[in-house]
N, C-alpha and C. Protein backbone atom coordinates (compact mmCIF):
# COMPACT_ATOMS: atom_id res chain seq x y z
N MET A 1 1.91 -12.73 3.60
CA MET A 1 2.64 -12.90 5.08
C MET A 1 2.48 -11.66 5.96
N LEU A 2 2.58 -10.38 5.26
CA LEU A 2 2.31 -9.16 6.12
C LEU A 2 1.07 -9.36 6.94
N LEU A 3 -0.23 -9.73 6.14
CA LEU A 3 -1.39 -9.86 6.65
C LEU A 3 -1.36 -10.74 7.91
N ILE A 4 -0.89 -11.76 7.67
CA ILE A 4 -0.78 -12.77 9.11
C ILE A 4 -0.07 -12.38 10.19
N VAL A 5 1.19 -11.67 9.84
CA VAL A 5 1.80 -11.16 10.72
C VAL A 5 1.20 -9.88 11.54
N SER A 6 0.59 -9.08 11.02
CA SER A 6 -0.13 -7.75 11.39
C SER A 6 -1.31 -8.40 12.11
N SER A 7 -2.03 -9.55 11.71
CA SER A 7 -3.28 -10.11 12.30
C SER A 7 -2.79 -10.56 13.66
N LEU A 8 -1.77 -11.40 13.57
CA LEU A 8 -1.46 -11.93 15.02
C LEU A 8 -1.12 -10.98 15.89
N ILE A 9 -0.21 -9.82 15.54
CA ILE A 9 0.05 -8.66 16.51
C ILE A 9 -1.08 -8.16 17.03
N GLY A 10 -2.13 -7.79 16.12
CA GLY A 10 -3.60 -7.13 16.59
C GLY A 10 -4.32 -7.93 17.24
N LEU A 11 -4.33 -9.29 17.20
CA LEU A 11 -4.93 -10.34 17.94
C LEU A 11 -4.45 -10.22 19.24
N PHE A 12 -3.12 -10.37 19.56
CA PHE A 12 -2.46 -10.28 20.82
C PHE A 12 -2.07 -9.09 21.46
N SER A 13 -2.53 -8.01 21.01
CA SER A 13 -2.16 -6.66 21.32
C SER A 13 -2.52 -6.35 22.69
N LEU A 14 -1.89 -5.86 23.37
CA LEU A 14 -2.07 -5.55 24.94
C LEU A 14 -2.32 -4.00 25.03
N ASN A 15 -2.02 -3.07 24.13
CA ASN A 15 -2.45 -1.57 24.15
C ASN A 15 -2.63 -1.19 22.82
N PHE A 16 -2.92 0.12 22.79
CA PHE A 16 -3.03 0.51 21.59
C PHE A 16 -1.86 0.82 20.82
N PRO A 17 -0.70 1.28 21.18
CA PRO A 17 0.14 1.35 20.30
C PRO A 17 0.46 0.07 19.34
N MET A 18 0.34 -1.15 20.32
CA MET A 18 0.52 -2.29 19.62
C MET A 18 -0.55 -2.63 18.51
N MET A 19 -1.75 -2.22 18.84
CA MET A 19 -2.77 -2.41 17.64
C MET A 19 -2.81 -1.47 16.61
N LEU A 20 -2.19 -0.19 16.93
CA LEU A 20 -1.85 0.83 15.79
C LEU A 20 -0.92 0.20 15.02
N THR A 21 0.32 -0.37 15.40
CA THR A 21 1.46 -1.04 14.62
C THR A 21 0.87 -2.03 13.77
N SER A 22 -0.11 -3.06 14.27
CA SER A 22 -0.70 -3.93 13.27
C SER A 22 -1.47 -3.48 12.30
N ARG A 23 -2.10 -2.35 12.60
CA ARG A 23 -2.89 -1.62 11.42
C ARG A 23 -2.00 -1.03 10.51
N LEU A 24 -0.76 -0.49 10.75
CA LEU A 24 0.08 0.17 10.01
C LEU A 24 0.69 -0.82 9.34
N ILE A 25 0.87 -2.13 9.58
CA ILE A 25 1.37 -3.10 8.75
C ILE A 25 0.36 -3.69 7.93
N GLN A 26 -0.74 -3.77 8.32
CA GLN A 26 -1.71 -4.23 7.34
C GLN A 26 -1.98 -3.16 6.18
N ALA A 27 -1.82 -1.93 6.71
CA ALA A 27 -2.08 -0.92 5.61
C ALA A 27 -0.88 -0.89 4.39
N VAL A 28 0.43 -1.13 4.76
CA VAL A 28 1.45 -1.43 4.07
C VAL A 28 1.12 -2.66 2.99
N GLY A 29 0.63 -3.64 3.57
CA GLY A 29 0.26 -4.90 2.87
C GLY A 29 -0.83 -4.64 1.82
N SER A 30 -1.83 -3.90 2.19
CA SER A 30 -2.92 -3.71 1.40
C SER A 30 -2.38 -2.61 0.37
N GLY A 31 -1.55 -1.76 0.57
CA GLY A 31 -1.09 -1.03 -0.38
C GLY A 31 -0.27 -1.37 -1.39
N LEU A 32 0.49 -2.43 -0.98
CA LEU A 32 1.09 -3.28 -2.02
C LEU A 32 0.41 -4.21 -2.90
N MET A 33 -0.69 -4.71 -2.13
CA MET A 33 -1.36 -5.78 -2.81
C MET A 33 -2.20 -5.38 -4.14
N PHE A 34 -2.80 -4.27 -4.02
CA PHE A 34 -3.63 -3.68 -5.05
C PHE A 34 -2.87 -3.70 -6.52
N PRO A 35 -1.90 -2.88 -6.45
CA PRO A 35 -1.16 -3.02 -7.67
C PRO A 35 -0.32 -3.92 -8.15
N THR A 36 -0.02 -4.97 -7.19
CA THR A 36 0.57 -6.35 -7.36
C THR A 36 -0.68 -7.25 -8.19
N ILE A 37 -1.84 -7.20 -7.55
CA ILE A 37 -2.86 -8.42 -8.01
C ILE A 37 -3.13 -7.65 -9.58
N ASN A 38 -3.28 -6.42 -9.65
CA ASN A 38 -3.92 -5.97 -11.32
C ASN A 38 -2.65 -6.26 -12.10
N THR A 39 -1.46 -6.21 -11.80
CA THR A 39 -0.42 -6.44 -12.59
C THR A 39 -0.13 -7.94 -13.02
N VAL A 40 -0.53 -8.66 -11.91
CA VAL A 40 -0.55 -10.33 -12.50
C VAL A 40 -1.82 -10.49 -13.13
N ILE A 41 -2.83 -9.98 -13.08
CA ILE A 41 -4.15 -10.05 -13.96
C ILE A 41 -3.85 -9.60 -15.28
N ILE A 42 -3.13 -8.45 -15.64
CA ILE A 42 -3.08 -8.11 -16.76
C ILE A 42 -2.11 -9.02 -17.54
N ARG A 43 -1.00 -9.45 -16.83
CA ARG A 43 -0.08 -10.59 -17.39
C ARG A 43 -0.58 -11.93 -17.71
N VAL A 44 -1.31 -12.29 -16.89
CA VAL A 44 -1.83 -13.76 -16.91
C VAL A 44 -2.99 -14.06 -17.72
N VAL A 45 -3.87 -13.12 -17.53
CA VAL A 45 -5.25 -13.29 -18.15
C VAL A 45 -5.24 -12.70 -19.74
N PRO A 46 -5.84 -13.42 -20.58
CA PRO A 46 -5.85 -13.14 -21.97
C PRO A 46 -6.36 -11.52 -22.38
N ALA A 47 -5.83 -10.82 -23.26
CA ALA A 47 -6.14 -9.34 -23.33
C ALA A 47 -7.64 -9.45 -23.56
N LYS A 48 -8.22 -10.33 -24.19
CA LYS A 48 -9.52 -10.02 -24.63
C LYS A 48 -10.59 -9.94 -23.37
N ILE A 49 -10.27 -10.55 -22.19
CA ILE A 49 -11.05 -10.27 -21.11
C ILE A 49 -10.24 -9.99 -19.87
N SER A 50 -9.28 -9.22 -20.05
CA SER A 50 -8.41 -8.68 -18.77
C SER A 50 -9.25 -7.56 -18.22
N GLY A 51 -9.92 -6.78 -19.05
CA GLY A 51 -10.47 -5.64 -18.41
C GLY A 51 -11.79 -6.05 -17.54
N ARG A 52 -12.46 -7.14 -17.98
CA ARG A 52 -13.55 -7.70 -17.26
C ARG A 52 -13.05 -8.28 -16.01
N VAL A 53 -12.01 -8.90 -15.82
CA VAL A 53 -11.13 -9.67 -14.69
C VAL A 53 -10.86 -8.41 -13.77
N VAL A 54 -10.15 -7.43 -14.38
CA VAL A 54 -9.85 -6.25 -13.54
C VAL A 54 -10.99 -5.55 -12.77
N SER A 55 -12.01 -5.37 -13.50
CA SER A 55 -13.24 -4.84 -13.06
C SER A 55 -13.91 -5.76 -11.93
N LEU A 56 -13.80 -7.02 -12.04
CA LEU A 56 -14.45 -7.95 -11.15
C LEU A 56 -13.46 -7.88 -9.82
N ASN A 57 -12.22 -7.63 -10.13
CA ASN A 57 -11.10 -7.74 -8.77
C ASN A 57 -11.56 -6.37 -8.14
N SER A 58 -11.68 -5.20 -8.93
CA SER A 58 -12.09 -3.90 -8.09
C SER A 58 -13.41 -3.96 -7.45
N ALA A 59 -14.27 -4.75 -8.10
CA ALA A 59 -15.61 -4.91 -7.56
C ALA A 59 -15.81 -5.71 -6.33
N ILE A 60 -14.87 -6.61 -6.34
CA ILE A 60 -14.68 -7.45 -5.07
C ILE A 60 -13.83 -6.59 -3.75
N ILE A 61 -13.03 -5.88 -4.26
CA ILE A 61 -12.38 -5.00 -3.39
C ILE A 61 -13.26 -3.80 -2.85
N GLY A 62 -14.14 -3.42 -3.73
CA GLY A 62 -15.30 -2.15 -3.25
C GLY A 62 -16.33 -2.92 -2.44
N LEU A 63 -16.75 -4.05 -2.57
CA LEU A 63 -17.69 -4.96 -1.76
C LEU A 63 -16.91 -5.02 -0.35
N GLY A 64 -15.69 -5.53 -0.24
CA GLY A 64 -15.06 -5.64 1.25
C GLY A 64 -14.82 -4.39 1.72
N ILE A 65 -14.69 -3.10 1.13
CA ILE A 65 -14.55 -1.92 1.61
C ILE A 65 -16.02 -1.34 2.17
N ALA A 66 -17.09 -1.93 1.62
CA ALA A 66 -18.40 -1.51 1.89
C ALA A 66 -18.84 -2.34 3.10
N VAL A 67 -18.59 -3.73 3.19
CA VAL A 67 -19.09 -4.68 4.21
C VAL A 67 -18.23 -4.63 5.37
N ALA A 68 -16.96 -4.10 5.32
CA ALA A 68 -16.05 -4.12 6.50
C ALA A 68 -16.35 -3.30 7.67
N PRO A 69 -17.14 -2.03 7.63
CA PRO A 69 -17.61 -1.41 8.76
C PRO A 69 -18.70 -2.14 9.59
N LEU A 70 -19.51 -2.83 8.61
CA LEU A 70 -20.72 -3.66 9.29
C LEU A 70 -20.04 -4.72 9.99
N LEU A 71 -19.33 -5.46 9.21
CA LEU A 71 -18.69 -6.53 10.24
C LEU A 71 -17.94 -6.32 11.35
N SER A 72 -17.02 -4.99 11.27
CA SER A 72 -16.38 -4.56 12.33
C SER A 72 -17.36 -4.18 13.44
N GLY A 73 -18.32 -3.64 13.01
CA GLY A 73 -19.37 -3.03 14.20
C GLY A 73 -20.04 -4.31 14.83
N VAL A 74 -20.22 -5.41 14.18
CA VAL A 74 -20.62 -6.71 14.73
C VAL A 74 -19.70 -7.18 15.93
N PHE A 75 -18.54 -7.25 15.49
CA PHE A 75 -17.31 -7.60 16.06
C PHE A 75 -17.25 -6.74 17.36
N LEU A 76 -17.22 -5.50 17.17
CA LEU A 76 -16.99 -4.77 18.17
C LEU A 76 -18.26 -4.84 19.34
N THR A 77 -19.28 -5.09 18.70
CA THR A 77 -20.54 -4.97 19.80
C THR A 77 -20.63 -6.31 20.49
N TYR A 78 -20.49 -7.34 19.78
CA TYR A 78 -20.74 -8.54 20.43
C TYR A 78 -19.45 -9.44 20.95
N VAL A 79 -18.16 -8.89 20.54
CA VAL A 79 -17.16 -9.87 20.81
C VAL A 79 -16.24 -8.77 21.48
N SER A 80 -14.86 -8.54 20.89
CA SER A 80 -13.89 -7.60 21.49
C SER A 80 -13.21 -6.96 20.50
N LEU A 81 -12.40 -5.81 20.67
CA LEU A 81 -11.77 -5.14 19.54
C LEU A 81 -10.54 -6.08 18.93
N THR A 82 -10.03 -6.74 19.86
CA THR A 82 -8.99 -7.60 19.19
C THR A 82 -9.42 -8.70 18.33
N SER A 83 -10.65 -8.88 18.39
CA SER A 83 -11.11 -10.05 17.57
C SER A 83 -11.38 -9.75 16.18
N MET A 84 -11.48 -8.62 15.95
CA MET A 84 -11.49 -7.84 14.43
C MET A 84 -10.42 -8.53 13.54
N TYR A 85 -9.32 -9.15 14.27
CA TYR A 85 -8.17 -9.53 13.66
C TYR A 85 -8.40 -10.93 13.18
N VAL A 86 -9.44 -11.62 13.89
CA VAL A 86 -9.42 -13.10 13.58
C VAL A 86 -9.87 -13.32 11.83
N VAL A 87 -10.69 -12.46 11.46
CA VAL A 87 -11.01 -12.73 9.93
C VAL A 87 -9.89 -12.62 8.98
N PRO A 88 -9.01 -11.41 9.17
CA PRO A 88 -7.93 -11.36 8.35
C PRO A 88 -6.93 -12.41 8.51
N LEU A 89 -6.66 -12.89 9.68
CA LEU A 89 -5.85 -13.91 9.96
C LEU A 89 -6.21 -15.03 9.26
N ALA A 90 -7.55 -15.54 9.27
CA ALA A 90 -8.04 -16.75 8.70
C ALA A 90 -7.76 -16.54 7.14
N VAL A 91 -8.15 -15.23 6.45
CA VAL A 91 -8.00 -15.14 5.25
C VAL A 91 -6.63 -15.05 4.65
N GLY A 92 -5.48 -14.82 5.56
CA GLY A 92 -4.35 -14.83 5.30
C GLY A 92 -3.68 -16.23 5.28
N ILE A 93 -4.14 -17.07 6.44
CA ILE A 93 -3.77 -18.48 6.15
C ILE A 93 -4.28 -19.16 5.03
N ILE A 94 -5.68 -19.08 4.77
CA ILE A 94 -6.22 -19.69 3.69
C ILE A 94 -5.42 -19.23 2.37
N SER A 95 -5.14 -18.02 2.27
CA SER A 95 -4.49 -17.57 0.98
C SER A 95 -2.96 -17.97 0.86
N ILE A 96 -2.38 -18.11 1.96
CA ILE A 96 -1.11 -18.95 1.98
C ILE A 96 -1.22 -20.28 1.55
N LEU A 97 -1.93 -21.10 2.29
CA LEU A 97 -2.13 -22.43 1.71
C LEU A 97 -2.64 -22.69 0.23
N MET A 98 -3.61 -21.97 -0.07
CA MET A 98 -3.69 -21.93 -1.51
C MET A 98 -2.81 -21.44 -2.51
N GLY A 99 -1.93 -20.35 -2.08
CA GLY A 99 -0.92 -19.93 -2.96
C GLY A 99 0.09 -20.92 -3.07
N ALA A 100 0.52 -21.69 -2.01
CA ALA A 100 1.40 -22.77 -2.04
C ALA A 100 1.06 -24.00 -2.90
N LYS A 101 -0.21 -24.19 -3.10
CA LYS A 101 -0.71 -25.18 -3.97
C LYS A 101 -0.88 -24.73 -5.33
N PHE A 102 -1.22 -23.51 -5.65
CA PHE A 102 -1.77 -23.22 -6.90
C PHE A 102 -0.91 -22.12 -7.58
N MET A 103 0.10 -21.32 -6.79
CA MET A 103 0.83 -20.31 -7.23
C MET A 103 1.93 -20.79 -8.47
N PHE A 104 2.18 -19.85 -9.43
CA PHE A 104 3.26 -20.26 -10.35
C PHE A 104 3.91 -18.76 -10.64
N ASP A 105 5.10 -19.02 -11.21
CA ASP A 105 5.68 -17.79 -11.66
C ASP A 105 5.27 -17.23 -12.91
N VAL A 106 4.93 -16.17 -12.86
CA VAL A 106 4.26 -15.33 -14.02
C VAL A 106 5.29 -14.94 -15.08
N GLU A 107 6.57 -14.60 -14.73
CA GLU A 107 7.57 -14.46 -15.49
C GLU A 107 9.02 -15.11 -15.36
N PRO A 108 9.77 -15.27 -15.91
CA PRO A 108 10.96 -16.03 -15.35
C PRO A 108 11.72 -15.16 -14.50
N ARG A 109 12.30 -15.72 -13.66
CA ARG A 109 13.04 -14.84 -12.50
C ARG A 109 14.54 -14.28 -13.04
N ARG A 110 14.73 -13.18 -12.84
CA ARG A 110 16.04 -12.57 -13.32
C ARG A 110 16.76 -11.79 -11.94
N GLN A 111 17.85 -11.75 -11.98
CA GLN A 111 18.54 -11.15 -10.86
C GLN A 111 18.82 -9.71 -11.32
N HIS A 112 18.24 -8.79 -10.39
CA HIS A 112 18.48 -7.32 -10.82
C HIS A 112 19.10 -6.62 -9.37
N PRO A 113 19.93 -5.81 -9.66
CA PRO A 113 20.51 -5.13 -8.59
C PRO A 113 19.84 -4.06 -8.06
N ILE A 114 19.57 -3.78 -6.90
CA ILE A 114 18.72 -2.74 -6.16
C ILE A 114 19.42 -1.64 -6.28
N ASP A 115 18.62 -0.66 -7.06
CA ASP A 115 19.17 0.81 -7.21
C ASP A 115 18.78 1.66 -6.00
N THR A 116 19.81 1.83 -5.08
CA THR A 116 19.43 2.47 -3.73
C THR A 116 19.36 3.83 -3.98
N LEU A 117 20.27 4.58 -4.93
CA LEU A 117 19.86 5.92 -5.14
C LEU A 117 18.56 6.41 -5.81
N SER A 118 17.99 5.51 -6.43
CA SER A 118 16.59 5.54 -7.08
C SER A 118 15.51 5.48 -5.94
N ILE A 119 15.73 4.61 -5.03
CA ILE A 119 14.88 4.59 -3.81
C ILE A 119 14.90 5.76 -2.96
N VAL A 120 16.16 6.21 -2.74
CA VAL A 120 16.14 7.46 -1.77
C VAL A 120 15.75 8.62 -2.56
N LEU A 121 15.96 8.84 -4.01
CA LEU A 121 15.33 9.90 -4.76
C LEU A 121 13.76 9.83 -4.71
N SER A 122 13.25 8.92 -4.82
CA SER A 122 11.79 8.66 -5.04
C SER A 122 11.18 8.96 -3.70
N PHE A 123 11.95 8.55 -2.52
CA PHE A 123 11.43 8.83 -1.04
C PHE A 123 11.54 10.45 -0.73
N VAL A 124 12.62 10.99 -1.28
CA VAL A 124 12.91 12.40 -1.02
C VAL A 124 11.83 13.08 -1.93
N GLY A 125 11.52 12.86 -3.06
CA GLY A 125 10.74 13.55 -3.88
C GLY A 125 9.20 13.28 -3.36
N LEU A 126 8.76 12.20 -3.07
CA LEU A 126 7.66 12.25 -2.31
C LEU A 126 7.34 12.87 -1.00
N ALA A 127 8.44 12.53 -0.21
CA ALA A 127 8.36 13.25 1.21
C ALA A 127 8.18 14.84 0.95
N ALA A 128 8.97 15.20 -0.03
CA ALA A 128 8.94 16.83 -0.10
C ALA A 128 7.70 17.32 -0.61
N LEU A 129 6.99 16.59 -1.63
CA LEU A 129 5.71 17.01 -2.00
C LEU A 129 4.63 16.90 -0.82
N MET A 130 4.63 15.85 -0.08
CA MET A 130 3.64 15.77 1.03
C MET A 130 3.79 16.91 2.07
N MET A 131 5.24 17.19 2.35
CA MET A 131 5.56 18.39 3.23
C MET A 131 5.09 19.57 2.79
N GLY A 132 5.50 19.89 1.49
CA GLY A 132 4.99 21.08 0.81
C GLY A 132 3.45 21.40 1.09
N PHE A 133 2.61 20.33 0.62
CA PHE A 133 1.32 20.31 0.68
C PHE A 133 0.74 20.52 2.28
N SER A 134 1.63 19.87 3.12
CA SER A 134 1.05 20.06 4.57
C SER A 134 1.51 21.40 4.96
N GLU A 135 2.54 21.87 4.56
CA GLU A 135 3.17 23.42 5.11
C GLU A 135 1.92 24.26 4.49
N LEU A 136 1.82 23.95 3.16
CA LEU A 136 0.60 25.03 2.59
C LEU A 136 -0.84 24.93 3.25
N THR A 137 -1.23 24.03 3.73
CA THR A 137 -2.45 24.01 4.36
C THR A 137 -2.43 24.65 5.84
N HIS A 138 -1.30 24.47 6.49
CA HIS A 138 -1.07 24.87 7.73
C HIS A 138 -0.52 26.27 8.04
N ARG A 139 -0.23 26.97 6.80
CA ARG A 139 0.07 28.45 7.15
C ARG A 139 -0.99 29.54 7.02
N ARG A 140 -1.53 29.66 8.11
CA ARG A 140 -2.69 30.70 8.15
C ARG A 140 -2.29 31.97 8.27
N CYS A 141 -1.19 32.30 8.68
CA CYS A 141 -0.82 33.49 8.97
C CYS A 141 -0.13 34.07 7.60
N SER A 142 0.36 33.17 6.62
CA SER A 142 1.08 33.61 5.39
C SER A 142 0.40 32.76 4.32
N PRO A 143 -0.53 33.27 3.72
CA PRO A 143 -1.18 32.28 2.69
C PRO A 143 -0.50 32.53 1.32
N CYS A 144 0.67 33.21 1.32
CA CYS A 144 1.38 33.16 0.08
C CYS A 144 2.22 31.86 -0.01
N PRO A 145 2.05 31.25 -1.24
CA PRO A 145 2.88 30.09 -1.41
C PRO A 145 4.19 30.14 -1.59
N CYS A 146 4.71 31.48 -1.33
CA CYS A 146 6.36 31.57 -1.55
C CYS A 146 6.79 31.68 -0.11
N SER A 147 6.31 31.23 0.94
CA SER A 147 6.95 31.33 2.21
C SER A 147 8.10 30.28 2.19
N SER A 148 9.17 30.27 2.99
CA SER A 148 10.40 29.71 2.88
C SER A 148 10.15 28.07 2.89
N SER A 149 9.56 27.68 3.74
CA SER A 149 9.37 26.10 4.00
C SER A 149 8.58 25.33 2.57
N VAL A 150 7.51 26.38 2.23
CA VAL A 150 6.81 25.75 1.12
C VAL A 150 7.60 25.75 -0.06
N TRP A 151 8.29 26.90 -0.20
CA TRP A 151 9.17 27.25 -1.59
C TRP A 151 10.26 26.03 -1.56
N ARG A 152 10.95 25.81 -0.40
CA ARG A 152 11.94 24.73 -0.61
C ARG A 152 11.40 23.35 -0.98
N CYS A 153 10.13 23.15 -0.22
CA CYS A 153 9.61 21.69 -0.51
C CYS A 153 9.26 21.77 -2.13
N SER A 154 8.56 22.78 -2.46
CA SER A 154 8.05 22.75 -3.86
C SER A 154 9.11 22.65 -4.86
N ARG A 155 10.39 23.21 -4.52
CA ARG A 155 11.53 22.97 -5.56
C ARG A 155 12.21 21.63 -5.21
N GLY A 156 12.34 21.04 -4.02
CA GLY A 156 12.84 19.89 -3.86
C GLY A 156 12.24 18.66 -4.27
N SER A 157 10.90 18.73 -4.32
CA SER A 157 10.13 17.63 -4.91
C SER A 157 10.39 17.45 -6.42
N PRO A 158 10.26 18.37 -7.30
CA PRO A 158 10.38 18.20 -8.72
C PRO A 158 11.69 17.75 -9.15
N CYS A 159 12.78 18.52 -8.30
CA CYS A 159 14.26 17.97 -8.47
C CYS A 159 14.27 16.57 -8.41
N ALA A 160 14.03 16.14 -6.99
CA ALA A 160 14.20 14.69 -6.79
C ALA A 160 13.52 13.89 -7.69
N SER A 161 12.24 14.22 -7.83
CA SER A 161 11.34 13.40 -8.71
C SER A 161 12.01 13.32 -10.12
N SER A 162 12.44 14.32 -10.84
CA SER A 162 12.74 14.45 -12.16
C SER A 162 14.12 13.56 -12.15
N MET A 163 15.04 13.60 -11.13
CA MET A 163 16.24 12.84 -11.07
C MET A 163 15.89 11.39 -11.12
N TRP A 164 14.99 11.12 -10.23
CA TRP A 164 14.45 9.47 -10.16
C TRP A 164 14.03 9.18 -11.69
N THR A 165 13.12 10.22 -11.92
CA THR A 165 12.63 9.70 -13.50
C THR A 165 13.56 9.43 -14.44
N CYS A 166 14.76 10.25 -14.67
CA CYS A 166 15.77 9.97 -15.42
C CYS A 166 16.53 8.89 -15.27
N ARG A 167 16.86 8.49 -13.91
CA ARG A 167 17.52 7.29 -13.66
C ARG A 167 16.52 6.13 -14.07
N CYS A 168 15.34 5.99 -13.80
CA CYS A 168 14.40 5.14 -14.12
C CYS A 168 14.18 4.81 -15.68
N SER A 169 14.21 6.03 -16.41
CA SER A 169 14.23 5.98 -17.71
C SER A 169 15.55 5.19 -18.63
N THR A 170 16.67 5.25 -17.86
CA THR A 170 17.93 4.84 -18.36
C THR A 170 18.02 3.39 -17.91
N CYS A 171 17.36 2.81 -17.18
CA CYS A 171 17.29 1.48 -16.77
C CYS A 171 17.17 0.43 -17.82
N THR A 172 18.09 -0.67 -17.72
CA THR A 172 17.85 -1.71 -18.95
C THR A 172 16.49 -2.54 -18.48
N ARG A 173 15.76 -3.01 -19.22
CA ARG A 173 14.79 -3.80 -18.96
C ARG A 173 15.07 -5.44 -19.36
């Protein structure tokens, strides 16, 4: 659904911020899709051939990454910038229709409460790690990794990440 929404936003975008927003939504959808597909493949496909199917899935994704710049160049040369969203929109609509017909539950549904504190801890841990690396690469005057902001981020990330890990390891499955 994210692909369809972002493609519609991109197709009818009037300015660069709208187009950038559509690309960000597509990036979130793409980031969620790859681990989800691999998890479903591993759970549904028999163990004997699951490696082959995961490899085939990765090869298809790699082919898409290799062909996308060529197709984008053709669209940019002969049509328009917003027309690049037609192909993802068509793929999204076809996927929704096929999913409605062929999709089934991989596992039985269960009600799980959302652990808000774990979400916040994982976000803080990853954000602190990224900020620490960013500060480390931008500090030209002080190459010492003990500068104050780098030091705070380097302490904050493991603390938040280890608290998140402890919370996740005590979760009942």
